Amino acid sequence: MDSLEPAPINSQNSEPNLPQNIFINLEPRFASLPITAPHLRVNLPENPTLHPQSDKVVIMLANRGKFKLNPFYHQRLDGNDWDQQTEIESMEWGGETYSGADLLAKREQLLEQFFETALGDKDTVAALRKVNEASGLSKDSYLYRAIDPWELAKLEKDGYKKVSYLDPSANFENEDMYGGDRSQVKHFASQTEQYSGSIIRWKIEHPLLYRRAGLNPPRVQPMFSHYLPKILEISRDGGKTFSPIPQPQ
């Protein structure tokens, strides 16, 4: 993205009111979302717009025909084809522009940079990382969550799952909690009418994406909003066996 200019209109389209690119403007505390996207065709929070804002994290999306200009007010976008999915083309953050390919290739580096920006400095990041690792939130250890049929169907359709630190229902268990006698994940999964015995698990990508919360019962919650890793596993038998969730074609 060379400059923060309004999106051009794709005159090559059979419908001239389809913009080539649209934008998502995120508050800096949500930069962790595009950085952790498992692939580039994900839905991001906030409504798309034709106007990037230089004081925000600006995500430029390839429209791919999903949105069209409102016929009466060309500064507003309307839905055009909901079967289409926009694609991240670039992110402008901290005075730098990163392509979609950069987001995937430099994921670990950008995530570390995000934590340093959000938490203040490298020393704070290192200290908090040690605290979280000592609390059972080490990189590549598992987190668990009971999942209901509606949430599971959406996950299988989309091929990804987003979690928000603003969502009070975003509660998980680490390996110690899950293996204990008071596991809430196993308790809810056993309520077959609602959860059908389904539990998902994934490996922690970075300890600072999460925090421990509560004592009775203890649980894990997101410290920053993010996408779960690409590889998610599911148990449909109450946690006895797990297998990878296939990615949609």
C-alpha atoms as a PDB file:
ATOM      1  CA  MET A   1       0.000   0.000   0.000  1.00  0.00           C
ATOM      2  CA  ASP A   2       1.861   3.079  -1.219  1.00  0.00           C
ATOM      3  CA  SER A   3      -0.423   5.638   0.431  1.00  0.00           C
ATOM      4  CA  LEU A   4      -3.589   5.834   2.433  1.00  0.00           C
ATOM      5  CA  GLU A   5      -5.906   6.677  -0.417  1.00  0.00           C
ATOM      6  CA  PRO A   6      -9.563   5.745  -0.869  1.00  0.00           C
ATOM      7  CA  ALA A   7     -10.098   2.426  -2.629  1.00  0.00           C
ATOM      8  CA  PRO A   8     -10.243   2.506  -6.444  1.00  0.00           C
ATOM      9  CA  ILE A   9     -13.259   1.228  -8.301  1.00  0.00           C
ATOM     10  CA  ASN A  10     -12.717  -1.833 -10.460  1.00  0.00           C
ATOM     11  CA  SER A  11     -13.753  -0.642 -13.892  1.00  0.00           C
ATOM     12  CA  GLN A  12     -12.899  -4.070 -15.347  1.00  0.00           C
ATOM     13  CA  ASN A  13     -15.749  -5.696 -13.451  1.00  0.00           C
ATOM     14  CA  SER A  14     -19.082  -6.341 -15.090  1.00  0.00           C
ATOM     15  CA  GLU A  15     -20.475  -4.338 -12.181  1.00  0.00           C
ATOM     16  CA  PRO A  16     -18.600  -1.020 -12.062  1.00  0.00           C
ATOM     17  CA  ASN A  17     -19.598  -0.351  -8.442  1.00  0.00           C
ATOM     18  CA  LEU A  18     -17.321  -3.074  -7.062  1.00  0.00           C
ATOM     19  CA  PRO A  19     -14.224  -1.575  -5.375  1.00  0.00           C
ATOM     20  CA  GLN A  20     -10.966  -3.446  -5.946  1.00  0.00           C
ATOM     21  CA  ASN A  21      -9.833  -2.911  -2.374  1.00  0.00           C
ATOM     22  CA  ILE A  22     -11.470  -2.044   0.906  1.00  0.00           C
ATOM     23  CA  PHE A  23     -10.038  -1.325   4.344  1.00  0.00           C
ATOM     24  CA  ILE A  24     -10.422  -2.388   7.951  1.00  0.00           C
ATOM     25  CA  ASN A  25      -9.250   0.138  10.547  1.00  0.00           C
ATOM     26  CA  LEU A  26      -8.260  -1.510  13.835  1.00  0.00           C
ATOM     27  CA  GLU A  27      -7.261  -0.024  17.157  1.00  0.00           C
ATOM     28  CA  PRO A  28      -3.570  -0.840  17.826  1.00  0.00           C
ATOM     29  CA  ARG A  29      -4.460  -3.271  20.633  1.00  0.00           C
ATOM     30  CA  PHE A  30      -6.092  -5.502  17.992  1.00  0.00           C
ATOM     31  CA  ALA A  31      -3.026  -5.718  15.734  1.00  0.00           C
ATOM     32  CA  SER A  32      -2.581  -9.230  17.152  1.00  0.00           C
ATOM     33  CA  LEU A  33      -5.518 -10.367  14.997  1.00  0.00           C
ATOM     34  CA  PRO A  34      -4.030  -9.940  11.488  1.00  0.00           C
ATOM     35  CA  ILE A  35      -0.636 -11.024  12.838  1.00  0.00           C
ATOM     36  CA  THR A  36      -2.029 -14.370  14.039  1.00  0.00           C
ATOM     37  CA  ALA A  37      -4.336 -15.023  11.068  1.00  0.00           C
ATOM     38  CA  PRO A  38      -3.809 -18.680  10.015  1.00  0.00           C
ATOM     39  CA  HIS A  39      -4.374 -17.673   6.395  1.00  0.00           C
ATOM     40  CA  LEU A  40      -5.289 -14.489   4.538  1.00  0.00           C
ATOM     41  CA  ARG A  41      -9.015 -15.072   3.957  1.00  0.00           C
ATOM     42  CA  VAL A  42     -10.319 -14.407   7.447  1.00  0.00           C
ATOM     43  CA  ASN A  43     -13.061 -12.137   8.732  1.00  0.00           C
ATOM     44  CA  LEU A  44     -11.730  -9.273  10.829  1.00  0.00           C
ATOM     45  CA  PRO A  45     -13.707  -7.246  13.374  1.00  0.00           C
ATOM     46  CA  GLU A  46     -14.929  -3.784  12.452  1.00  0.00           C
ATOM     47  CA  ASN A  47     -16.873  -2.884   9.333  1.00  0.00           C
ATOM     48  CA  PRO A  48     -15.046  -2.476   6.021  1.00  0.00           C
ATOM     49  CA  THR A  49     -14.703   1.012   4.632  1.00  0.00           C
ATOM     50  CA  LEU A  50     -13.333   2.839   1.602  1.00  0.00           C
ATOM     51  CA  HIS A  51     -11.260   5.174   3.788  1.00  0.00           C
ATOM     52  CA  PRO A  52      -8.131   4.112   5.701  1.00  0.00           C
ATOM     53  CA  GLN A  53      -7.350   6.007   8.915  1.00  0.00           C
ATOM     54  CA  SER A  54      -3.706   6.850   9.453  1.00  0.00           C
ATOM     55  CA  ASP A  55      -3.999   6.699  13.264  1.00  0.00           C
ATOM     56  CA  LYS A  56      -5.184   3.071  13.168  1.00  0.00           C
ATOM     57  CA  VAL A  57      -3.792  -0.274  12.095  1.00  0.00           C
ATOM     58  CA  VAL A  58      -4.916  -0.314   8.458  1.00  0.00           C
ATOM     59  CA  ILE A  59      -5.674  -3.638   6.792  1.00  0.00           C
ATOM     60  CA  MET A  60      -6.128  -3.474   3.032  1.00  0.00           C
ATOM     61  CA  LEU A  61      -8.322  -6.257   1.676  1.00  0.00           C
ATOM     62  CA  ALA A  62      -8.879  -7.539  -1.830  1.00  0.00           C
ATOM     63  CA  ASN A  63     -12.649  -7.180  -2.103  1.00  0.00           C
ATOM     64  CA  ARG A  64     -13.163 -10.144  -4.482  1.00  0.00           C
ATOM     65  CA  GLY A  65     -16.731  -9.004  -5.165  1.00  0.00           C
ATOM     66  CA  LYS A  66     -17.999  -9.403  -1.617  1.00  0.00           C
ATOM     67  CA  PHE A  67     -18.985  -5.742  -1.165  1.00  0.00           C
ATOM     68  CA  LYS A  68     -20.368  -3.132  -3.541  1.00  0.00           C
ATOM     69  CA  LEU A  69     -20.935   0.592  -3.347  1.00  0.00           C
ATOM     70  CA  ASN A  70     -24.291   1.751  -2.113  1.00  0.00           C
ATOM     71  CA  PRO A  71     -26.091   3.052  -5.247  1.00  0.00           C
ATOM     72  CA  PHE A  72     -27.253   6.215  -3.486  1.00  0.00           C
ATOM     73  CA  TYR A  73     -24.282   6.933  -1.232  1.00  0.00           C
ATOM     74  CA  HIS A  74     -20.970   5.879  -2.762  1.00  0.00           C
ATOM     75  CA  GLN A  75     -19.054   6.320   0.491  1.00  0.00           C
ATOM     76  CA  ARG A  76     -20.935   3.368   1.995  1.00  0.00           C
ATOM     77  CA  LEU A  77     -20.473  -0.333   1.280  1.00  0.00           C
ATOM     78  CA  ASP A  78     -23.270  -2.867   0.935  1.00  0.00           C
ATOM     79  CA  GLY A  79     -23.057  -6.630   0.707  1.00  0.00           C
ATOM     80  CA  ASN A  80     -22.848  -7.997  -2.833  1.00  0.00           C
ATOM     81  CA  ASP A  81     -21.913 -11.693  -2.704  1.00  0.00           C
ATOM     82  CA  TRP A  82     -21.635 -13.237   0.761  1.00  0.00           C
ATOM     83  CA  ASP A  83     -20.203 -16.463  -0.678  1.00  0.00           C
ATOM     84  CA  GLN A  84     -17.034 -14.547  -1.563  1.00  0.00           C
ATOM     85  CA  GLN A  85     -14.282 -13.995   0.990  1.00  0.00           C
ATOM     86  CA  THR A  86     -12.046 -10.944   1.172  1.00  0.00           C
ATOM     87  CA  GLU A  87      -8.284 -11.491   1.362  1.00  0.00           C
ATOM     88  CA  ILE A  88      -5.659  -9.569   3.331  1.00  0.00           C
ATOM     89  CA  GLU A  89      -3.309  -7.783   0.944  1.00  0.00           C
ATOM     90  CA  SER A  90      -1.361  -5.651   3.409  1.00  0.00           C
ATOM     91  CA  MET A  91      -1.188  -4.250   6.930  1.00  0.00           C
ATOM     92  CA  GLU A  92       0.100  -0.788   7.789  1.00  0.00           C
ATOM     93  CA  TRP A  93       1.237  -0.711  11.410  1.00  0.00           C
ATOM     94  CA  GLY A  94       3.802   1.304  13.327  1.00  0.00           C
ATOM     95  CA  GLY A  95       4.891   3.237  10.265  1.00  0.00           C
ATOM     96  CA  GLU A  96       5.636   0.066   8.282  1.00  0.00           C
ATOM     97  CA  THR A  97       3.691  -1.748   5.586  1.00  0.00           C
ATOM     98  CA  TYR A  98       3.615  -5.540   5.552  1.00  0.00           C
ATOM     99  CA  SER A  99       2.254  -7.583   2.674  1.00  0.00           C
ATOM    100  CA  GLY A 100      -0.031 -10.519   3.246  1.00  0.00           C
ATOM    101  CA  ALA A 101       2.919 -12.794   2.529  1.00  0.00           C
ATOM    102  CA  ASP A 102       4.931 -10.913   5.201  1.00  0.00           C
ATOM    103  CA  LEU A 103       2.220 -11.574   7.778  1.00  0.00           C
ATOM    104  CA  LEU A 104       2.498 -15.305   7.190  1.00  0.00           C
ATOM    105  CA  ALA A 105       6.281 -15.476   6.848  1.00  0.00           C
ATOM    106  CA  LYS A 106       7.188 -13.083   9.708  1.00  0.00           C
ATOM    107  CA  ARG A 107       4.443 -14.151  12.085  1.00  0.00           C
ATOM    108  CA  GLU A 108       6.693 -14.943  15.068  1.00  0.00           C
ATOM    109  CA  GLN A 109       8.764 -11.779  14.656  1.00  0.00           C
ATOM    110  CA  LEU A 110       5.676  -9.562  14.339  1.00  0.00           C
ATOM    111  CA  LEU A 111       4.041 -11.173  17.348  1.00  0.00           C
ATOM    112  CA  GLU A 112       7.092 -10.411  19.500  1.00  0.00           C
ATOM    113  CA  GLN A 113       7.042  -6.846  18.184  1.00  0.00           C
ATOM    114  CA  PHE A 114       3.346  -6.567  19.060  1.00  0.00           C
ATOM    115  CA  PHE A 115       3.941  -7.677  22.659  1.00  0.00           C
ATOM    116  CA  GLU A 116       6.795  -5.223  23.100  1.00  0.00           C
ATOM    117  CA  THR A 117       4.577  -2.418  21.794  1.00  0.00           C
ATOM    118  CA  ALA A 118       1.558  -3.442  23.868  1.00  0.00           C
ATOM    119  CA  LEU A 119       3.449  -4.141  27.109  1.00  0.00           C
ATOM    120  CA  GLY A 120       6.129  -1.470  26.920  1.00  0.00           C
ATOM    121  CA  ASP A 121       9.524  -3.126  26.434  1.00  0.00           C
ATOM    122  CA  LYS A 122      11.443  -6.380  26.044  1.00  0.00           C
ATOM    123  CA  ASP A 123      12.113  -6.743  29.779  1.00  0.00           C
ATOM    124  CA  THR A 124       8.404  -6.650  30.602  1.00  0.00           C
ATOM    125  CA  VAL A 125       7.679  -9.194  27.867  1.00  0.00           C
ATOM    126  CA  ALA A 126      10.398 -11.526  29.165  1.00  0.00           C
ATOM    127  CA  ALA A 127       9.252 -11.241  32.790  1.00  0.00           C
ATOM    128  CA  LEU A 128       5.599 -11.849  31.995  1.00  0.00           C
ATOM    129  CA  ARG A 129       6.513 -14.752  29.745  1.00  0.00           C
ATOM    130  CA  LYS A 130       8.285 -16.446  32.666  1.00  0.00           C
ATOM    131  CA  VAL A 131       5.241 -15.927  34.879  1.00  0.00           C
ATOM    132  CA  ASN A 132       2.895 -17.427  32.315  1.00  0.00           C
ATOM    133  CA  GLU A 133       5.180 -20.368  31.585  1.00  0.00           C
ATOM    134  CA  ALA A 134       5.318 -21.129  35.303  1.00  0.00           C
ATOM    135  CA  SER A 135       1.498 -21.019  35.329  1.00  0.00           C
ATOM    136  CA  GLY A 136       1.136 -23.821  32.790  1.00  0.00           C
ATOM    137  CA  LEU A 137       0.980 -21.653  29.655  1.00  0.00           C
ATOM    138  CA  SER A 138       4.174 -22.749  27.908  1.00  0.00           C
ATOM    139  CA  LYS A 139       4.555 -22.601  24.139  1.00  0.00           C
ATOM    140  CA  ASP A 140       3.307 -25.799  22.456  1.00  0.00           C
ATOM    141  CA  SER A 141       1.405 -27.015  25.525  1.00  0.00           C
ATOM    142  CA  TYR A 142      -2.303 -27.672  24.954  1.00  0.00           C
ATOM    143  CA  LEU A 143      -5.382 -25.627  25.751  1.00  0.00           C
ATOM    144  CA  TYR A 144      -8.842 -27.219  25.789  1.00  0.00           C
ATOM    145  CA  ARG A 145     -12.397 -25.993  25.250  1.00  0.00           C
ATOM    146  CA  ALA A 146     -15.795 -27.720  25.087  1.00  0.00           C
ATOM    147  CA  ILE A 147     -17.516 -26.777  21.849  1.00  0.00           C
ATOM    148  CA  ASP A 148     -21.198 -26.848  20.966  1.00  0.00           C
ATOM    149  CA  PRO A 149     -22.511 -28.026  17.564  1.00  0.00           C
ATOM    150  CA  TRP A 150     -23.182 -24.516  16.234  1.00  0.00           C
ATOM    151  CA  GLU A 151     -19.691 -23.278  17.084  1.00  0.00           C
ATOM    152  CA  LEU A 152     -18.154 -26.454  15.687  1.00  0.00           C
ATOM    153  CA  ALA A 153     -20.093 -26.187  12.409  1.00  0.00           C
ATOM    154  CA  LYS A 154     -18.850 -22.607  11.950  1.00  0.00           C
ATOM    155  CA  LEU A 155     -15.285 -23.643  12.718  1.00  0.00           C
ATOM    156  CA  GLU A 156     -15.419 -26.496  10.201  1.00  0.00           C
ATOM    157  CA  LYS A 157     -16.930 -24.199   7.542  1.00  0.00           C
ATOM    158  CA  ASP A 158     -14.523 -21.284   8.057  1.00  0.00           C
ATOM    159  CA  GLY A 159     -11.387 -23.272   8.805  1.00  0.00           C
ATOM    160  CA  TYR A 160     -10.346 -20.920  11.605  1.00  0.00           C
ATOM    161  CA  LYS A 161     -11.490 -19.572  14.965  1.00  0.00           C
ATOM    162  CA  LYS A 162     -11.042 -16.127  16.493  1.00  0.00           C
ATOM    163  CA  VAL A 163     -11.030 -15.479  20.253  1.00  0.00           C
ATOM    164  CA  SER A 164     -11.380 -12.099  21.945  1.00  0.00           C
ATOM    165  CA  TYR A 165     -10.168 -10.846  25.304  1.00  0.00           C
ATOM    166  CA  LEU A 166     -13.448  -8.903  25.468  1.00  0.00           C
ATOM    167  CA  ASP A 167     -15.539 -12.114  25.334  1.00  0.00           C
ATOM    168  CA  PRO A 168     -16.433 -13.329  28.862  1.00  0.00           C
ATOM    169  CA  SER A 169     -17.296 -16.769  27.464  1.00  0.00           C
ATOM    170  CA  ALA A 170     -13.766 -17.291  26.085  1.00  0.00           C
ATOM    171  CA  ASN A 171     -12.694 -19.711  28.804  1.00  0.00           C
ATOM    172  CA  PHE A 172     -10.192 -22.529  28.292  1.00  0.00           C
ATOM    173  CA  GLU A 173      -8.221 -25.002  30.391  1.00  0.00           C
ATOM    174  CA  ASN A 174      -4.520 -25.772  30.334  1.00  0.00           C
ATOM    175  CA  GLU A 175      -3.217 -29.324  30.653  1.00  0.00           C
ATOM    176  CA  ASP A 176      -3.227 -29.321  34.467  1.00  0.00           C
ATOM    177  CA  MET A 177      -6.776 -27.987  34.702  1.00  0.00           C
ATOM    178  CA  TYR A 178      -8.026 -30.377  32.050  1.00  0.00           C
ATOM    179  CA  GLY A 179      -6.361 -33.340  33.703  1.00  0.00           C
ATOM    180  CA  GLY A 180      -7.748 -32.499  37.144  1.00  0.00           C
ATOM    181  CA  ASP A 181     -10.857 -33.795  38.887  1.00  0.00           C
ATOM    182  CA  ARG A 182     -12.649 -30.443  38.517  1.00  0.00           C
ATOM    183  CA  SER A 183     -12.239 -29.973  34.773  1.00  0.00           C
ATOM    184  CA  GLN A 184     -15.021 -27.700  33.561  1.00  0.00           C
ATOM    185  CA  VAL A 185     -14.279 -28.620  29.938  1.00  0.00           C
ATOM    186  CA  LYS A 186     -14.996 -32.295  30.619  1.00  0.00           C
ATOM    187  CA  HIS A 187     -18.039 -31.353  32.702  1.00  0.00           C
ATOM    188  CA  PHE A 188     -19.606 -29.283  29.909  1.00  0.00           C
ATOM    189  CA  ALA A 189     -18.640 -31.783  27.206  1.00  0.00           C
ATOM    190  CA  SER A 190     -20.478 -34.468  29.168  1.00  0.00           C
ATOM    191  CA  GLN A 191     -23.697 -32.474  28.779  1.00  0.00           C
ATOM    192  CA  THR A 192     -24.318 -34.245  25.486  1.00  0.00           C
ATOM    193  CA  GLU A 193     -27.544 -32.434  24.658  1.00  0.00           C
ATOM    194  CA  GLN A 194     -25.654 -29.161  24.259  1.00  0.00           C
ATOM    195  CA  TYR A 195     -22.067 -30.168  23.549  1.00  0.00           C
ATOM    196  CA  SER A 196     -22.344 -33.710  22.157  1.00  0.00           C
ATOM    197  CA  GLY A 197     -19.134 -34.694  23.926  1.00  0.00           C
ATOM    198  CA  SER A 198     -17.051 -32.442  21.664  1.00  0.00           C
ATOM    199  CA  ILE A 199     -13.805 -30.875  22.885  1.00  0.00           C
ATOM    200  CA  ILE A 200     -11.251 -28.961  20.819  1.00  0.00           C
ATOM    201  CA  ARG A 201      -7.612 -28.457  21.690  1.00  0.00           C
ATOM    202  CA  TRP A 202      -4.694 -26.532  20.234  1.00  0.00           C
ATOM    203  CA  LYS A 203      -1.064 -25.783  21.008  1.00  0.00           C
ATOM    204  CA  ILE A 204      -0.207 -22.432  22.572  1.00  0.00           C
ATOM    205  CA  GLU A 205       1.584 -20.338  19.962  1.00  0.00           C
ATOM    206  CA  HIS A 206       2.913 -17.795  22.478  1.00  0.00           C
ATOM    207  CA  PRO A 207       2.501 -17.698  26.285  1.00  0.00           C
ATOM    208  CA  LEU A 208       1.522 -14.018  26.265  1.00  0.00           C
ATOM    209  CA  LEU A 209      -1.615 -14.607  24.221  1.00  0.00           C
ATOM    210  CA  TYR A 210      -3.249 -15.988  27.386  1.00  0.00           C
ATOM    211  CA  ARG A 211      -3.567 -15.424  31.105  1.00  0.00           C
ATOM    212  CA  ARG A 212      -4.820 -17.441  34.043  1.00  0.00           C
ATOM    213  CA  ALA A 213      -8.074 -16.188  35.543  1.00  0.00           C
ATOM    214  CA  GLY A 214     -10.221 -17.154  38.516  1.00  0.00           C
ATOM    215  CA  LEU A 215      -9.677 -19.614  41.308  1.00  0.00           C
ATOM    216  CA  ASN A 216     -12.981 -21.446  41.658  1.00  0.00           C
ATOM    217  CA  PRO A 217     -12.761 -22.893  39.128  1.00  0.00           C
ATOM    218  CA  PRO A 218      -9.436 -21.816  37.614  1.00  0.00           C
ATOM    219  CA  ARG A 219      -9.475 -21.095  33.896  1.00  0.00           C
ATOM    220  CA  VAL A 220      -7.469 -19.571  31.056  1.00  0.00           C
ATOM    221  CA  GLN A 221      -8.615 -16.558  29.064  1.00  0.00           C
ATOM    222  CA  PRO A 222      -7.184 -14.584  26.123  1.00  0.00           C
ATOM    223  CA  MET A 223      -4.911 -11.728  27.164  1.00  0.00           C
ATOM    224  CA  PHE A 224      -5.054 -10.375  23.599  1.00  0.00           C
ATOM    225  CA  SER A 225      -7.506 -11.070  20.796  1.00  0.00           C
ATOM    226  CA  HIS A 226      -6.118 -13.534  18.259  1.00  0.00           C
ATOM    227  CA  TYR A 227      -6.825 -16.413  15.894  1.00  0.00           C
ATOM    228  CA  LEU A 228      -6.209 -19.944  17.087  1.00  0.00           C
ATOM    229  CA  PRO A 229      -3.465 -21.864  15.256  1.00  0.00           C
ATOM    230  CA  LYS A 230      -4.206 -23.485  11.924  1.00  0.00           C
ATOM    231  CA  ILE A 231      -3.951 -26.992  13.378  1.00  0.00           C
ATOM    232  CA  LEU A 232      -6.873 -27.663  15.698  1.00  0.00           C
ATOM    233  CA  GLU A 233      -7.803 -31.076  17.056  1.00  0.00           C
ATOM    234  CA  ILE A 234     -11.204 -32.375  18.100  1.00  0.00           C
ATOM    235  CA  SER A 235     -12.489 -35.128  20.346  1.00  0.00           C
ATOM    236  CA  ARG A 236     -16.033 -36.331  19.773  1.00  0.00           C
ATOM    237  CA  ASP A 237     -15.925 -38.876  22.588  1.00  0.00           C
ATOM    238  CA  GLY A 238     -15.525 -36.634  25.631  1.00  0.00           C
ATOM    239  CA  GLY A 239     -11.756 -36.343  25.402  1.00  0.00           C
ATOM    240  CA  LYS A 240     -10.699 -39.962  24.978  1.00  0.00           C
ATOM    241  CA  THR A 241      -9.220 -39.471  21.501  1.00  0.00           C
ATOM    242  CA  PHE A 242      -8.322 -36.413  19.406  1.00  0.00           C
ATOM    243  CA  SER A 243      -7.823 -36.012  15.652  1.00  0.00           C
ATOM    244  CA  PRO A 244      -7.093 -32.954  13.432  1.00  0.00           C
ATOM    245  CA  ILE A 245     -10.049 -30.936  12.157  1.00  0.00           C
ATOM    246  CA  PRO A 246      -9.887 -31.061   8.327  1.00  0.00           C
ATOM    247  CA  GLN A 247      -9.394 -27.724   6.586  1.00  0.00           C
ATOM    248  CA  PRO A 248     -12.212 -26.718   4.195  1.00  0.00           C
ATOM    249  CA  GLN A 249     -11.398 -27.103   0.516  1.00  0.00           C
END
